[in-house]
Amino acid sequence: MAHMKPLPRIGAATVTALLVLLGLAAPAPAAGPSAVPPVDGTLRAYHISGVYVSGVSSGGYMATQLQVAYSSRIRGAAIFAAGPYYCAQNNASQAVYGCGQNLWPDYLPTLEADASLWSGYRWIDPIGNLSGQPVYVYHGTADSTVAGSLTSDLASFYRHFGASVQYVTGPAGHSWVTPYGPLGCTATASPYLDNCGTDVENAFLGKLFGGVTAPNTGALSGTLTRFNQSGYAVGGNPAGLSMGSKGFVYVPASCAAGATCKLMVALHGCSQGYDAVGTAFVDDANLNQYADTNAMIVLYPQATASAVNPYGCWDWWGYLGATNYPIHGGAQVETIMNEVRSLGG
């Protein structure tokens, strides 16, 4: 694949160094009870008006990969605690040293050139689709895991292609920021949900949708469905892709009854999936509350730990051994898009 660097052999020491860098090497505590008890089921199609994506840490990198690869389908993104598209450049050392503390500067023009080149090859959707798309980027000033210059580079990458970027800083640690977070604002610890006394979801959903209605602060009225990811996984084996056997989708009652709804793909970070913290991210990301009042379905794909990915990260540096991980054909990208298509997106 042109302009893609060969993938070094990723040994246990390199993986450990990467996860220590990401602040995610500590075991996660047991998760609390689900706010909405999930029911087992399958994905079905709804009336979807637009697809959006959000994510934190490795989920932030994957969210950008999805949006850039499928910009004709994904209309906007909200990214917490992550750097620019293709930051690791299919290179484990770059992931360790470049995509945490930004120790390899002046790489942004290369990433922008690669995206333009791949668009010309049709490996990703036309890069011009990003022009005008809303993007919300959040950096926590207490985040010692991902340098602020990296999130700035992410914002610069999007602006280079004409996206409408809102870049925000706050006092958080390396985390998803939510008023339902069980941790203090500056924490970097499992389950990576920090409460900073602010409603960041209101801000980013307002940016993506052009306006947002106040959330449901009472009992949720929708249905949380736990579905088998095997039917959507490339090759039919999610475990072989370091993805969990189960994923989740929250569907408000109005969407289930036939209303036209938006679809938000929400991507957890390392050590934040169902196998690590149960439904903590699903319950407390403050997305289901907004889903009820804003005609929004929320899809929660799940990564899981494996021999090449011991902390359940999304593949943003090529740990599956394939160079196409950030473009059309990437195994995790295509699996998530299969789930999106099955929901009508």
C-alpha atoms as a PDB file:
ATOM      1  CA  MET A   1       0.000   0.000   0.000  1.00  0.00           C
ATOM      2  CA  ALA A   2       1.560   3.260  -1.121  1.00  0.00           C
ATOM      3  CA  HIS A   3       2.910   5.593   1.536  1.00  0.00           C
ATOM      4  CA  MET A   4       2.140   3.116   4.327  1.00  0.00           C
ATOM      5  CA  LYS A   5       5.087   2.216   6.509  1.00  0.00           C
ATOM      6  CA  PRO A   6       5.823  -1.456   7.216  1.00  0.00           C
ATOM      7  CA  LEU A   7       4.401  -2.673  10.490  1.00  0.00           C
ATOM      8  CA  PRO A   8       7.079  -3.564  13.061  1.00  0.00           C
ATOM      9  CA  ARG A   9       6.569  -6.721  15.052  1.00  0.00           C
ATOM     10  CA  ILE A  10       4.647  -5.648  18.124  1.00  0.00           C
ATOM     11  CA  GLY A  11       5.972  -7.605  21.068  1.00  0.00           C
ATOM     12  CA  ALA A  12       4.633  -7.724  24.596  1.00  0.00           C
ATOM     13  CA  ALA A  13       7.101  -5.088  25.779  1.00  0.00           C
ATOM     14  CA  THR A  14       5.988  -2.648  23.082  1.00  0.00           C
ATOM     15  CA  VAL A  15       2.313  -3.209  23.840  1.00  0.00           C
ATOM     16  CA  THR A  16       2.955  -2.739  27.549  1.00  0.00           C
ATOM     17  CA  ALA A  17       4.867   0.478  26.865  1.00  0.00           C
ATOM     18  CA  LEU A  18       2.026   1.738  24.696  1.00  0.00           C
ATOM     19  CA  LEU A  19      -0.618   1.047  27.314  1.00  0.00           C
ATOM     20  CA  VAL A  20       1.456   2.460  30.139  1.00  0.00           C
ATOM     21  CA  LEU A  21       1.844   5.579  28.007  1.00  0.00           C
ATOM     22  CA  LEU A  22      -1.920   5.673  27.589  1.00  0.00           C
ATOM     23  CA  GLY A  23      -2.385   5.366  31.341  1.00  0.00           C
ATOM     24  CA  LEU A  24      -4.469   2.221  30.931  1.00  0.00           C
ATOM     25  CA  ALA A  25      -2.370  -0.586  32.354  1.00  0.00           C
ATOM     26  CA  ALA A  26      -4.222  -0.856  35.664  1.00  0.00           C
ATOM     27  CA  PRO A  27      -7.014  -3.444  36.008  1.00  0.00           C
ATOM     28  CA  ALA A  28     -10.542  -2.074  35.919  1.00  0.00           C
ATOM     29  CA  PRO A  29     -12.998  -2.382  38.822  1.00  0.00           C
ATOM     30  CA  ALA A  30     -16.239  -4.274  38.502  1.00  0.00           C
ATOM     31  CA  ALA A  31     -18.986  -2.294  36.823  1.00  0.00           C
ATOM     32  CA  GLY A  32     -22.146  -1.157  38.547  1.00  0.00           C
ATOM     33  CA  PRO A  33     -25.678  -2.130  37.528  1.00  0.00           C
ATOM     34  CA  SER A  34     -27.013  -0.964  34.184  1.00  0.00           C
ATOM     35  CA  ALA A  35     -29.249   2.122  34.192  1.00  0.00           C
ATOM     36  CA  VAL A  36     -31.446   0.397  31.608  1.00  0.00           C
ATOM     37  CA  PRO A  37     -31.266  -3.414  31.839  1.00  0.00           C
ATOM     38  CA  PRO A  38     -30.234  -4.618  28.384  1.00  0.00           C
ATOM     39  CA  VAL A  39     -32.347  -7.062  26.437  1.00  0.00           C
ATOM     40  CA  ASP A  40     -30.837  -9.514  23.974  1.00  0.00           C
ATOM     41  CA  GLY A  41     -31.750  -9.015  20.346  1.00  0.00           C
ATOM     42  CA  THR A  42     -30.535  -8.148  16.868  1.00  0.00           C
ATOM     43  CA  LEU A  43     -30.067  -4.953  14.901  1.00  0.00           C
ATOM     44  CA  ARG A  44     -32.915  -3.765  12.690  1.00  0.00           C
ATOM     45  CA  ALA A  45     -33.254  -0.837  10.319  1.00  0.00           C
ATOM     46  CA  TYR A  46     -34.738   2.490  11.391  1.00  0.00           C
ATOM     47  CA  HIS A  47     -35.399   5.757   9.579  1.00  0.00           C
ATOM     48  CA  ILE A  48     -31.962   7.383   9.871  1.00  0.00           C
ATOM     49  CA  SER A  49     -31.458  10.986   8.769  1.00  0.00           C
ATOM     50  CA  GLY A  50     -27.707  11.136   9.401  1.00  0.00           C
ATOM     51  CA  VAL A  51     -24.799   9.278  10.993  1.00  0.00           C
ATOM     52  CA  TYR A  52     -22.372  10.839  13.469  1.00  0.00           C
ATOM     53  CA  VAL A  53     -19.477   9.427  15.460  1.00  0.00           C
ATOM     54  CA  SER A  54     -17.845  10.146  18.821  1.00  0.00           C
ATOM     55  CA  GLY A  55     -15.069   8.519  20.817  1.00  0.00           C
ATOM     56  CA  VAL A  56     -12.408   8.835  23.479  1.00  0.00           C
ATOM     57  CA  SER A  57      -8.714   7.879  23.382  1.00  0.00           C
ATOM     58  CA  SER A  58      -8.381   4.825  21.106  1.00  0.00           C
ATOM     59  CA  GLY A  59     -12.091   5.289  20.383  1.00  0.00           C
ATOM     60  CA  GLY A  60     -11.296   8.856  19.374  1.00  0.00           C
ATOM     61  CA  TYR A  61      -8.700   7.633  16.900  1.00  0.00           C
ATOM     62  CA  MET A  62     -11.186   5.071  15.555  1.00  0.00           C
ATOM     63  CA  ALA A  63     -13.904   7.712  15.296  1.00  0.00           C
ATOM     64  CA  THR A  64     -11.634   9.814  13.087  1.00  0.00           C
ATOM     65  CA  GLN A  65     -10.742   6.760  10.988  1.00  0.00           C
ATOM     66  CA  LEU A  66     -14.437   6.086  10.436  1.00  0.00           C
ATOM     67  CA  GLN A  67     -15.264   9.648   9.530  1.00  0.00           C
ATOM     68  CA  VAL A  68     -12.351  10.094   7.138  1.00  0.00           C
ATOM     69  CA  ALA A  69     -12.838   6.694   5.488  1.00  0.00           C
ATOM     70  CA  TYR A  70     -16.613   7.128   5.163  1.00  0.00           C
ATOM     71  CA  SER A  71     -17.095  10.888   5.006  1.00  0.00           C
ATOM     72  CA  SER A  72     -19.931  10.439   2.510  1.00  0.00           C
ATOM     73  CA  ARG A  73     -21.942   8.724   5.253  1.00  0.00           C
ATOM     74  CA  ILE A  74     -20.679  10.234   8.512  1.00  0.00           C
ATOM     75  CA  ARG A  75     -21.695  13.864   8.900  1.00  0.00           C
ATOM     76  CA  GLY A  76     -19.714  14.931  11.966  1.00  0.00           C
ATOM     77  CA  ALA A  77     -17.512  13.807  14.840  1.00  0.00           C
ATOM     78  CA  ALA A  78     -16.766  14.553  18.497  1.00  0.00           C
ATOM     79  CA  ILE A  79     -13.309  13.438  19.640  1.00  0.00           C
ATOM     80  CA  PHE A  80     -11.926  13.299  23.173  1.00  0.00           C
ATOM     81  CA  ALA A  81      -8.241  12.794  24.009  1.00  0.00           C
ATOM     82  CA  ALA A  82      -6.859  11.722  20.635  1.00  0.00           C
ATOM     83  CA  GLY A  83      -4.562  12.894  17.860  1.00  0.00           C
ATOM     84  CA  PRO A  84      -4.912  13.227  14.096  1.00  0.00           C
ATOM     85  CA  TYR A  85      -5.921  10.656  11.497  1.00  0.00           C
ATOM     86  CA  TYR A  86      -3.294   7.979  10.801  1.00  0.00           C
ATOM     87  CA  CYS A  87      -1.131   9.379  13.612  1.00  0.00           C
ATOM     88  CA  ALA A  88       0.636   6.053  14.227  1.00  0.00           C
ATOM     89  CA  GLN A  89       1.396   5.634  10.514  1.00  0.00           C
ATOM     90  CA  ASN A  90       1.149   1.843  10.828  1.00  0.00           C
ATOM     91  CA  ASN A  91       4.157   1.917  13.123  1.00  0.00           C
ATOM     92  CA  ALA A  92       4.145   0.749  16.725  1.00  0.00           C
ATOM     93  CA  SER A  93       7.047   2.993  17.697  1.00  0.00           C
ATOM     94  CA  GLN A  94       5.267   6.035  16.308  1.00  0.00           C
ATOM     95  CA  ALA A  95       2.174   5.044  18.307  1.00  0.00           C
ATOM     96  CA  VAL A  96       4.230   4.820  21.497  1.00  0.00           C
ATOM     97  CA  TYR A  97       6.410   7.898  21.096  1.00  0.00           C
ATOM     98  CA  GLY A  98       4.594  10.094  18.613  1.00  0.00           C
ATOM     99  CA  CYS A  99       0.901   9.734  19.416  1.00  0.00           C
ATOM    100  CA  GLY A 100       1.049  10.324  23.145  1.00  0.00           C
ATOM    101  CA  GLN A 101       3.531  13.065  23.871  1.00  0.00           C
ATOM    102  CA  ASN A 102       4.078  14.208  20.268  1.00  0.00           C
ATOM    103  CA  LEU A 103       7.809  13.496  20.367  1.00  0.00           C
ATOM    104  CA  TRP A 104       8.042  13.276  16.562  1.00  0.00           C
ATOM    105  CA  PRO A 105       7.019  16.741  15.359  1.00  0.00           C
ATOM    106  CA  ASP A 106       6.367  18.012  11.839  1.00  0.00           C
ATOM    107  CA  TYR A 107       4.477  14.896  10.736  1.00  0.00           C
ATOM    108  CA  LEU A 108       1.111  16.596  10.138  1.00  0.00           C
ATOM    109  CA  PRO A 109       1.817  17.535   6.478  1.00  0.00           C
ATOM    110  CA  THR A 110       2.572  13.864   5.789  1.00  0.00           C
ATOM    111  CA  LEU A 111      -0.755  12.775   7.285  1.00  0.00           C
ATOM    112  CA  GLU A 112      -2.619  15.379   5.252  1.00  0.00           C
ATOM    113  CA  ALA A 113      -0.799  14.321   2.080  1.00  0.00           C
ATOM    114  CA  ASP A 114      -1.563  10.648   2.744  1.00  0.00           C
ATOM    115  CA  ALA A 115      -5.274  11.389   3.186  1.00  0.00           C
ATOM    116  CA  SER A 116      -5.341  13.338  -0.082  1.00  0.00           C
ATOM    117  CA  LEU A 117      -3.468  10.575  -1.896  1.00  0.00           C
ATOM    118  CA  TRP A 118      -5.740   7.825  -0.587  1.00  0.00           C
ATOM    119  CA  SER A 119      -8.789   9.851  -1.532  1.00  0.00           C
ATOM    120  CA  GLY A 120      -7.444   9.953  -5.084  1.00  0.00           C
ATOM    121  CA  TYR A 121      -6.936   6.184  -4.977  1.00  0.00           C
ATOM    122  CA  ARG A 122     -10.517   5.799  -3.630  1.00  0.00           C
ATOM    123  CA  TRP A 123      -9.191   3.988  -0.578  1.00  0.00           C
ATOM    124  CA  ILE A 124     -11.246   6.492   1.414  1.00  0.00           C
ATOM    125  CA  ASP A 125     -14.240   8.602   0.422  1.00  0.00           C
ATOM    126  CA  PRO A 126     -13.472  11.909  -1.325  1.00  0.00           C
ATOM    127  CA  ILE A 127     -11.590  13.977   1.224  1.00  0.00           C
ATOM    128  CA  GLY A 128     -13.474  17.055   0.081  1.00  0.00           C
ATOM    129  CA  ASN A 129     -16.542  15.698   1.896  1.00  0.00           C
ATOM    130  CA  LEU A 130     -14.997  16.932   5.154  1.00  0.00           C
ATOM    131  CA  SER A 131     -15.434  20.538   4.042  1.00  0.00           C
ATOM    132  CA  GLY A 132     -18.088  22.131   6.221  1.00  0.00           C
ATOM    133  CA  GLN A 133     -18.619  19.053   8.386  1.00  0.00           C
ATOM    134  CA  PRO A 134     -18.929  19.830  12.131  1.00  0.00           C
ATOM    135  CA  VAL A 135     -16.155  18.494  14.364  1.00  0.00           C
ATOM    136  CA  TYR A 136     -15.814  18.930  18.129  1.00  0.00           C
ATOM    137  CA  VAL A 137     -12.385  18.266  19.682  1.00  0.00           C
ATOM    138  CA  TYR A 138     -11.849  18.145  23.457  1.00  0.00           C
ATOM    139  CA  HIS A 139      -8.545  18.229  25.334  1.00  0.00           C
ATOM    140  CA  GLY A 140      -8.277  17.878  29.107  1.00  0.00           C
ATOM    141  CA  THR A 141      -5.556  20.059  30.572  1.00  0.00           C
ATOM    142  CA  ALA A 142      -4.916  17.420  33.265  1.00  0.00           C
ATOM    143  CA  ASP A 143      -4.411  14.781  30.556  1.00  0.00           C
ATOM    144  CA  SER A 144      -0.793  13.670  30.806  1.00  0.00           C
ATOM    145  CA  THR A 145      -1.438  10.808  28.394  1.00  0.00           C
ATOM    146  CA  VAL A 146      -2.158  12.685  25.156  1.00  0.00           C
ATOM    147  CA  ALA A 147      -0.423  16.026  24.749  1.00  0.00           C
ATOM    148  CA  GLY A 148      -2.489  19.069  23.955  1.00  0.00           C
ATOM    149  CA  SER A 149      -0.390  19.605  20.840  1.00  0.00           C
ATOM    150  CA  LEU A 150      -1.767  16.314  19.491  1.00  0.00           C
ATOM    151  CA  THR A 151      -5.387  17.312  19.895  1.00  0.00           C
ATOM    152  CA  SER A 152      -4.420  20.644  18.320  1.00  0.00           C
ATOM    153  CA  ASP A 153      -2.961  18.673  15.410  1.00  0.00           C
ATOM    154  CA  LEU A 154      -6.247  16.782  15.127  1.00  0.00           C
ATOM    155  CA  ALA A 155      -8.113  20.067  14.878  1.00  0.00           C
ATOM    156  CA  SER A 156      -5.571  21.330  12.331  1.00  0.00           C
ATOM    157  CA  PHE A 157      -5.956  18.176  10.228  1.00  0.00           C
ATOM    158  CA  TYR A 158      -9.704  18.686  10.000  1.00  0.00           C
ATOM    159  CA  ARG A 159      -9.368  22.417   9.319  1.00  0.00           C
ATOM    160  CA  HIS A 160      -6.903  21.681   6.522  1.00  0.00           C
ATOM    161  CA  PHE A 161      -9.740  19.937   4.695  1.00  0.00           C
ATOM    162  CA  GLY A 162     -12.310  22.627   5.477  1.00  0.00           C
ATOM    163  CA  ALA A 163     -14.167  21.091   8.412  1.00  0.00           C
ATOM    164  CA  SER A 164     -15.940  23.393  10.869  1.00  0.00           C
ATOM    165  CA  VAL A 165     -13.946  22.669  14.038  1.00  0.00           C
ATOM    166  CA  GLN A 166     -14.728  23.643  17.605  1.00  0.00           C
ATOM    167  CA  TYR A 167     -11.633  23.017  19.738  1.00  0.00           C
ATOM    168  CA  VAL A 168     -12.291  23.040  23.483  1.00  0.00           C
ATOM    169  CA  THR A 169     -10.067  22.611  26.516  1.00  0.00           C
ATOM    170  CA  GLY A 170     -11.215  21.759  30.012  1.00  0.00           C
ATOM    171  CA  PRO A 171      -9.662  20.640  33.306  1.00  0.00           C
ATOM    172  CA  ALA A 172     -10.228  16.903  32.753  1.00  0.00           C
ATOM    173  CA  GLY A 173      -7.800  14.000  32.847  1.00  0.00           C
ATOM    174  CA  HIS A 174      -7.551  11.360  30.132  1.00  0.00           C
ATOM    175  CA  SER A 175     -11.233  10.514  29.998  1.00  0.00           C
ATOM    176  CA  TRP A 176     -14.688  10.972  28.559  1.00  0.00           C
ATOM    177  CA  VAL A 177     -16.233  13.929  30.406  1.00  0.00           C
ATOM    178  CA  THR A 178     -19.803  13.443  31.617  1.00  0.00           C
ATOM    179  CA  PRO A 179     -21.984  14.684  34.484  1.00  0.00           C
ATOM    180  CA  TYR A 180     -22.606  11.027  35.342  1.00  0.00           C
ATOM    181  CA  GLY A 181     -18.915  10.222  35.703  1.00  0.00           C
ATOM    182  CA  PRO A 182     -17.981   8.524  38.990  1.00  0.00           C
ATOM    183  CA  LEU A 183     -14.513  10.141  39.070  1.00  0.00           C
ATOM    184  CA  GLY A 184     -13.261  13.614  39.846  1.00  0.00           C
ATOM    185  CA  CYS A 185     -12.510  15.929  36.972  1.00  0.00           C
ATOM    186  CA  THR A 186      -8.733  15.512  36.840  1.00  0.00           C
ATOM    187  CA  ALA A 187      -8.663  11.717  37.212  1.00  0.00           C
ATOM    188  CA  THR A 188      -7.069   9.292  34.770  1.00  0.00           C
ATOM    189  CA  ALA A 189      -8.360   5.988  36.094  1.00  0.00           C
ATOM    190  CA  SER A 190     -10.930   3.303  35.332  1.00  0.00           C
ATOM    191  CA  PRO A 191     -13.642   3.636  34.122  1.00  0.00           C
ATOM    192  CA  TYR A 192     -12.264   6.844  32.490  1.00  0.00           C
ATOM    193  CA  LEU A 193     -15.468   8.830  33.040  1.00  0.00           C
ATOM    194  CA  ASP A 194     -14.722  12.187  34.689  1.00  0.00           C
ATOM    195  CA  ASN A 195     -17.285  14.524  36.208  1.00  0.00           C
ATOM    196  CA  CYS A 196     -16.173  18.133  35.725  1.00  0.00           C
ATOM    197  CA  GLY A 197     -19.491  19.697  36.697  1.00  0.00           C
ATOM    198  CA  THR A 198     -20.207  20.496  33.050  1.00  0.00           C
ATOM    199  CA  ASP A 199     -22.361  18.967  30.339  1.00  0.00           C
ATOM    200  CA  VAL A 200     -19.927  18.494  27.471  1.00  0.00           C
ATOM    201  CA  GLU A 201     -22.423  16.305  25.597  1.00  0.00           C
ATOM    202  CA  ASN A 202     -24.772  19.288  25.340  1.00  0.00           C
ATOM    203  CA  ALA A 203     -21.929  21.265  23.770  1.00  0.00           C
ATOM    204  CA  PHE A 204     -20.794  18.696  21.237  1.00  0.00           C
ATOM    205  CA  LEU A 205     -24.266  17.518  20.245  1.00  0.00           C
ATOM    206  CA  GLY A 206     -25.225  21.147  19.738  1.00  0.00           C
ATOM    207  CA  LYS A 207     -22.199  21.572  17.504  1.00  0.00           C
ATOM    208  CA  LEU A 208     -22.913  18.432  15.481  1.00  0.00           C
ATOM    209  CA  PHE A 209     -26.674  18.877  15.151  1.00  0.00           C
ATOM    210  CA  GLY A 210     -26.888  22.668  15.028  1.00  0.00           C
ATOM    211  CA  GLY A 211     -28.897  22.695  18.253  1.00  0.00           C
ATOM    212  CA  VAL A 212     -29.927  20.267  20.963  1.00  0.00           C
ATOM    213  CA  THR A 213     -32.854  19.755  23.348  1.00  0.00           C
ATOM    214  CA  ALA A 214     -32.238  19.323  27.077  1.00  0.00           C
ATOM    215  CA  PRO A 215     -31.698  15.688  28.109  1.00  0.00           C
ATOM    216  CA  ASN A 216     -34.043  13.343  29.895  1.00  0.00           C
ATOM    217  CA  THR A 217     -32.908  13.501  33.522  1.00  0.00           C
ATOM    218  CA  GLY A 218     -35.481  10.991  34.736  1.00  0.00           C
ATOM    219  CA  ALA A 219     -35.996   7.324  33.968  1.00  0.00           C
ATOM    220  CA  LEU A 220     -34.970   6.488  30.420  1.00  0.00           C
ATOM    221  CA  SER A 221     -37.831   5.508  28.139  1.00  0.00           C
ATOM    222  CA  GLY A 222     -35.931   3.703  25.382  1.00  0.00           C
ATOM    223  CA  THR A 223     -34.576   0.183  25.015  1.00  0.00           C
ATOM    224  CA  LEU A 224     -30.959  -0.912  25.403  1.00  0.00           C
ATOM    225  CA  THR A 225     -30.374  -3.975  23.229  1.00  0.00           C
ATOM    226  CA  ARG A 226     -27.368  -6.265  23.532  1.00  0.00           C
ATOM    227  CA  PHE A 227     -26.649  -7.813  20.145  1.00  0.00           C
ATOM    228  CA  ASN A 228     -24.239 -10.395  18.780  1.00  0.00           C
ATOM    229  CA  GLN A 229     -21.425  -8.736  16.806  1.00  0.00           C
ATOM    230  CA  SER A 230     -20.634 -11.994  14.975  1.00  0.00           C
ATOM    231  CA  GLY A 231     -23.236 -11.273  12.322  1.00  0.00           C
ATOM    232  CA  TYR A 232     -21.478  -8.029  11.394  1.00  0.00           C
ATOM    233  CA  ALA A 233     -17.809  -8.850  11.965  1.00  0.00           C
ATOM    234  CA  VAL A 234     -15.599  -9.246   8.924  1.00  0.00           C
ATOM    235  CA  GLY A 235     -15.034 -12.996   8.660  1.00  0.00           C
ATOM    236  CA  GLY A 236     -17.831 -13.668  11.171  1.00  0.00           C
ATOM    237  CA  ASN A 237     -15.446 -13.891  14.119  1.00  0.00           C
ATOM    238  CA  PRO A 238     -15.297 -10.718  16.234  1.00  0.00           C
ATOM    239  CA  ALA A 239     -12.778 -12.275  18.640  1.00  0.00           C
ATOM    240  CA  GLY A 240     -10.349 -12.605  15.736  1.00  0.00           C
ATOM    241  CA  LEU A 241     -10.654  -8.835  15.244  1.00  0.00           C
ATOM    242  CA  SER A 242     -10.194  -8.093  18.959  1.00  0.00           C
ATOM    243  CA  MET A 243     -13.862  -7.170  19.164  1.00  0.00           C
ATOM    244  CA  GLY A 244     -16.324  -8.362  21.781  1.00  0.00           C
ATOM    245  CA  SER A 245     -18.996 -10.947  21.166  1.00  0.00           C
ATOM    246  CA  LYS A 246     -21.645  -8.417  22.181  1.00  0.00           C
ATOM    247  CA  GLY A 247     -22.367  -4.832  21.207  1.00  0.00           C
ATOM    248  CA  PHE A 248     -25.095  -2.458  22.413  1.00  0.00           C
ATOM    249  CA  VAL A 249     -27.597  -0.102  20.849  1.00  0.00           C
ATOM    250  CA  TYR A 250     -29.924   2.318  22.628  1.00  0.00           C
ATOM    251  CA  VAL A 251     -33.149   3.091  20.774  1.00  0.00           C
ATOM    252  CA  PRO A 252     -35.579   5.742  22.052  1.00  0.00           C
ATOM    253  CA  ALA A 253     -39.255   4.842  21.973  1.00  0.00           C
ATOM    254  CA  SER A 254     -39.952   7.440  19.274  1.00  0.00           C
ATOM    255  CA  CYS A 255     -37.348   5.925  16.940  1.00  0.00           C
ATOM    256  CA  ALA A 256     -38.702   2.425  17.543  1.00  0.00           C
ATOM    257  CA  ALA A 257     -42.171   3.711  16.657  1.00  0.00           C
ATOM    258  CA  GLY A 258     -41.025   4.954  13.250  1.00  0.00           C
ATOM    259  CA  ALA A 259     -39.772   8.503  13.773  1.00  0.00           C
ATOM    260  CA  THR A 260     -36.846   9.719  11.675  1.00  0.00           C
ATOM    261  CA  CYS A 261     -33.776   9.718  13.913  1.00  0.00           C
ATOM    262  CA  LYS A 262     -30.068  10.466  13.878  1.00  0.00           C
ATOM    263  CA  LEU A 263     -27.539   7.706  14.583  1.00  0.00           C
ATOM    264  CA  MET A 264     -24.572   8.300  16.890  1.00  0.00           C
ATOM    265  CA  VAL A 265     -21.728   5.759  16.926  1.00  0.00           C
ATOM    266  CA  ALA A 266     -20.079   6.009  20.369  1.00  0.00           C
ATOM    267  CA  LEU A 267     -16.653   4.415  20.785  1.00  0.00           C
ATOM    268  CA  HIS A 268     -15.151   3.630  24.178  1.00  0.00           C
ATOM    269  CA  GLY A 269     -11.441   3.851  24.933  1.00  0.00           C
ATOM    270  CA  CYS A 270      -8.914   1.243  26.031  1.00  0.00           C
ATOM    271  CA  SER A 271      -9.957  -0.742  29.125  1.00  0.00           C
ATOM    272  CA  GLN A 272     -13.406   0.846  28.853  1.00  0.00           C
ATOM    273  CA  GLY A 273     -15.370  -1.765  26.922  1.00  0.00           C
ATOM    274  CA  TYR A 274     -18.025  -4.130  28.234  1.00  0.00           C
ATOM    275  CA  ASP A 275     -15.551  -6.886  29.064  1.00  0.00           C
ATOM    276  CA  ALA A 276     -13.562  -4.441  31.224  1.00  0.00           C
ATOM    277  CA  VAL A 277     -16.131  -2.171  32.919  1.00  0.00           C
ATOM    278  CA  GLY A 278     -19.492  -3.667  31.979  1.00  0.00           C
ATOM    279  CA  THR A 279     -21.988  -1.065  30.801  1.00  0.00           C
ATOM    280  CA  ALA A 280     -20.339   1.871  32.614  1.00  0.00           C
ATOM    281  CA  PHE A 281     -19.593   3.739  29.365  1.00  0.00           C
ATOM    282  CA  VAL A 282     -22.926   2.768  27.827  1.00  0.00           C
ATOM    283  CA  ASP A 283     -24.847   3.976  30.887  1.00  0.00           C
ATOM    284  CA  ASP A 284     -22.858   7.016  31.966  1.00  0.00           C
ATOM    285  CA  ALA A 285     -21.614   8.660  28.749  1.00  0.00           C
ATOM    286  CA  ASN A 286     -24.704  10.930  28.927  1.00  0.00           C
ATOM    287  CA  LEU A 287     -25.748   9.982  25.415  1.00  0.00           C
ATOM    288  CA  ASN A 288     -28.832   7.867  26.125  1.00  0.00           C
ATOM    289  CA  GLN A 289     -30.275  10.778  28.108  1.00  0.00           C
ATOM    290  CA  TYR A 290     -29.939  13.033  25.055  1.00  0.00           C
ATOM    291  CA  ALA A 291     -31.117  10.266  22.753  1.00  0.00           C
ATOM    292  CA  ASP A 292     -34.529  10.231  24.426  1.00  0.00           C
ATOM    293  CA  THR A 293     -35.161  13.924  23.744  1.00  0.00           C
ATOM    294  CA  ASN A 294     -33.316  14.398  20.453  1.00  0.00           C
ATOM    295  CA  ALA A 295     -34.496  11.486  18.292  1.00  0.00           C
ATOM    296  CA  MET A 296     -31.057   9.864  18.370  1.00  0.00           C
ATOM    297  CA  ILE A 297     -30.146   6.186  18.313  1.00  0.00           C
ATOM    298  CA  VAL A 298     -26.796   5.378  19.948  1.00  0.00           C
ATOM    299  CA  LEU A 299     -24.674   2.463  18.732  1.00  0.00           C
ATOM    300  CA  TYR A 300     -21.972   1.187  21.101  1.00  0.00           C
ATOM    301  CA  PRO A 301     -19.637  -1.203  19.228  1.00  0.00           C
ATOM    302  CA  GLN A 302     -17.306  -3.113  21.519  1.00  0.00           C
ATOM    303  CA  ALA A 303     -13.604  -3.910  21.335  1.00  0.00           C
ATOM    304  CA  THR A 304     -12.086  -6.487  23.672  1.00  0.00           C
ATOM    305  CA  ALA A 305      -8.739  -7.701  24.912  1.00  0.00           C
ATOM    306  CA  SER A 306      -6.725 -10.196  22.883  1.00  0.00           C
ATOM    307  CA  ALA A 307      -3.160 -11.479  22.603  1.00  0.00           C
ATOM    308  CA  VAL A 308      -2.173  -8.538  20.365  1.00  0.00           C
ATOM    309  CA  ASN A 309      -4.381  -6.060  22.225  1.00  0.00           C
ATOM    310  CA  PRO A 310      -4.353  -6.895  25.953  1.00  0.00           C
ATOM    311  CA  TYR A 311      -6.288  -3.809  27.053  1.00  0.00           C
ATOM    312  CA  GLY A 312      -9.155  -3.813  24.598  1.00  0.00           C
ATOM    313  CA  CYS A 313      -8.155  -0.785  22.475  1.00  0.00           C
ATOM    314  CA  TRP A 314      -9.459  -0.061  19.006  1.00  0.00           C
ATOM    315  CA  ASP A 315      -6.986  -0.688  16.198  1.00  0.00           C
ATOM    316  CA  TRP A 316      -5.470   2.700  15.461  1.00  0.00           C
ATOM    317  CA  TRP A 317      -1.860   1.554  15.035  1.00  0.00           C
ATOM    318  CA  GLY A 318      -2.191  -1.695  13.057  1.00  0.00           C
ATOM    319  CA  TYR A 319      -2.116  -4.339  15.771  1.00  0.00           C
ATOM    320  CA  LEU A 320      -4.194  -6.715  13.634  1.00  0.00           C
ATOM    321  CA  GLY A 321      -1.271  -6.848  11.210  1.00  0.00           C
ATOM    322  CA  ALA A 322      -3.034  -5.344   8.180  1.00  0.00           C
ATOM    323  CA  THR A 323      -2.004  -2.039   6.619  1.00  0.00           C
ATOM    324  CA  ASN A 324      -5.561  -1.106   5.646  1.00  0.00           C
ATOM    325  CA  TYR A 325      -6.807  -0.549   9.212  1.00  0.00           C
ATOM    326  CA  PRO A 326      -7.682   3.194   8.693  1.00  0.00           C
ATOM    327  CA  ILE A 327      -9.288   2.933   5.211  1.00  0.00           C
ATOM    328  CA  HIS A 328     -11.961   1.050   3.307  1.00  0.00           C
ATOM    329  CA  GLY A 329     -11.539  -2.650   4.003  1.00  0.00           C
ATOM    330  CA  GLY A 330     -10.073  -2.203   7.479  1.00  0.00           C
ATOM    331  CA  ALA A 331     -11.503  -5.061   9.522  1.00  0.00           C
ATOM    332  CA  GLN A 332     -12.775  -3.038  12.477  1.00  0.00           C
ATOM    333  CA  VAL A 333     -13.840  -0.098  10.312  1.00  0.00           C
ATOM    334  CA  GLU A 334     -15.903  -2.386   8.079  1.00  0.00           C
ATOM    335  CA  THR A 335     -17.407  -4.272  11.028  1.00  0.00           C
ATOM    336  CA  ILE A 336     -18.633  -1.050  12.592  1.00  0.00           C
ATOM    337  CA  MET A 337     -19.958   0.162   9.242  1.00  0.00           C
ATOM    338  CA  ASN A 338     -21.800  -3.145   8.797  1.00  0.00           C
ATOM    339  CA  GLU A 339     -23.546  -2.407  12.101  1.00  0.00           C
ATOM    340  CA  VAL A 340     -24.310   1.140  10.942  1.00  0.00           C
ATOM    341  CA  ARG A 341     -25.801  -0.133   7.672  1.00  0.00           C
ATOM    342  CA  SER A 342     -27.935  -2.682   9.525  1.00  0.00           C
ATOM    343  CA  LEU A 343     -29.449   0.154  11.569  1.00  0.00           C
ATOM    344  CA  GLY A 344     -30.366   2.005   8.382  1.00  0.00           C
ATOM    345  CA  GLY A 345     -27.398   4.348   8.277  1.00  0.00           C
END
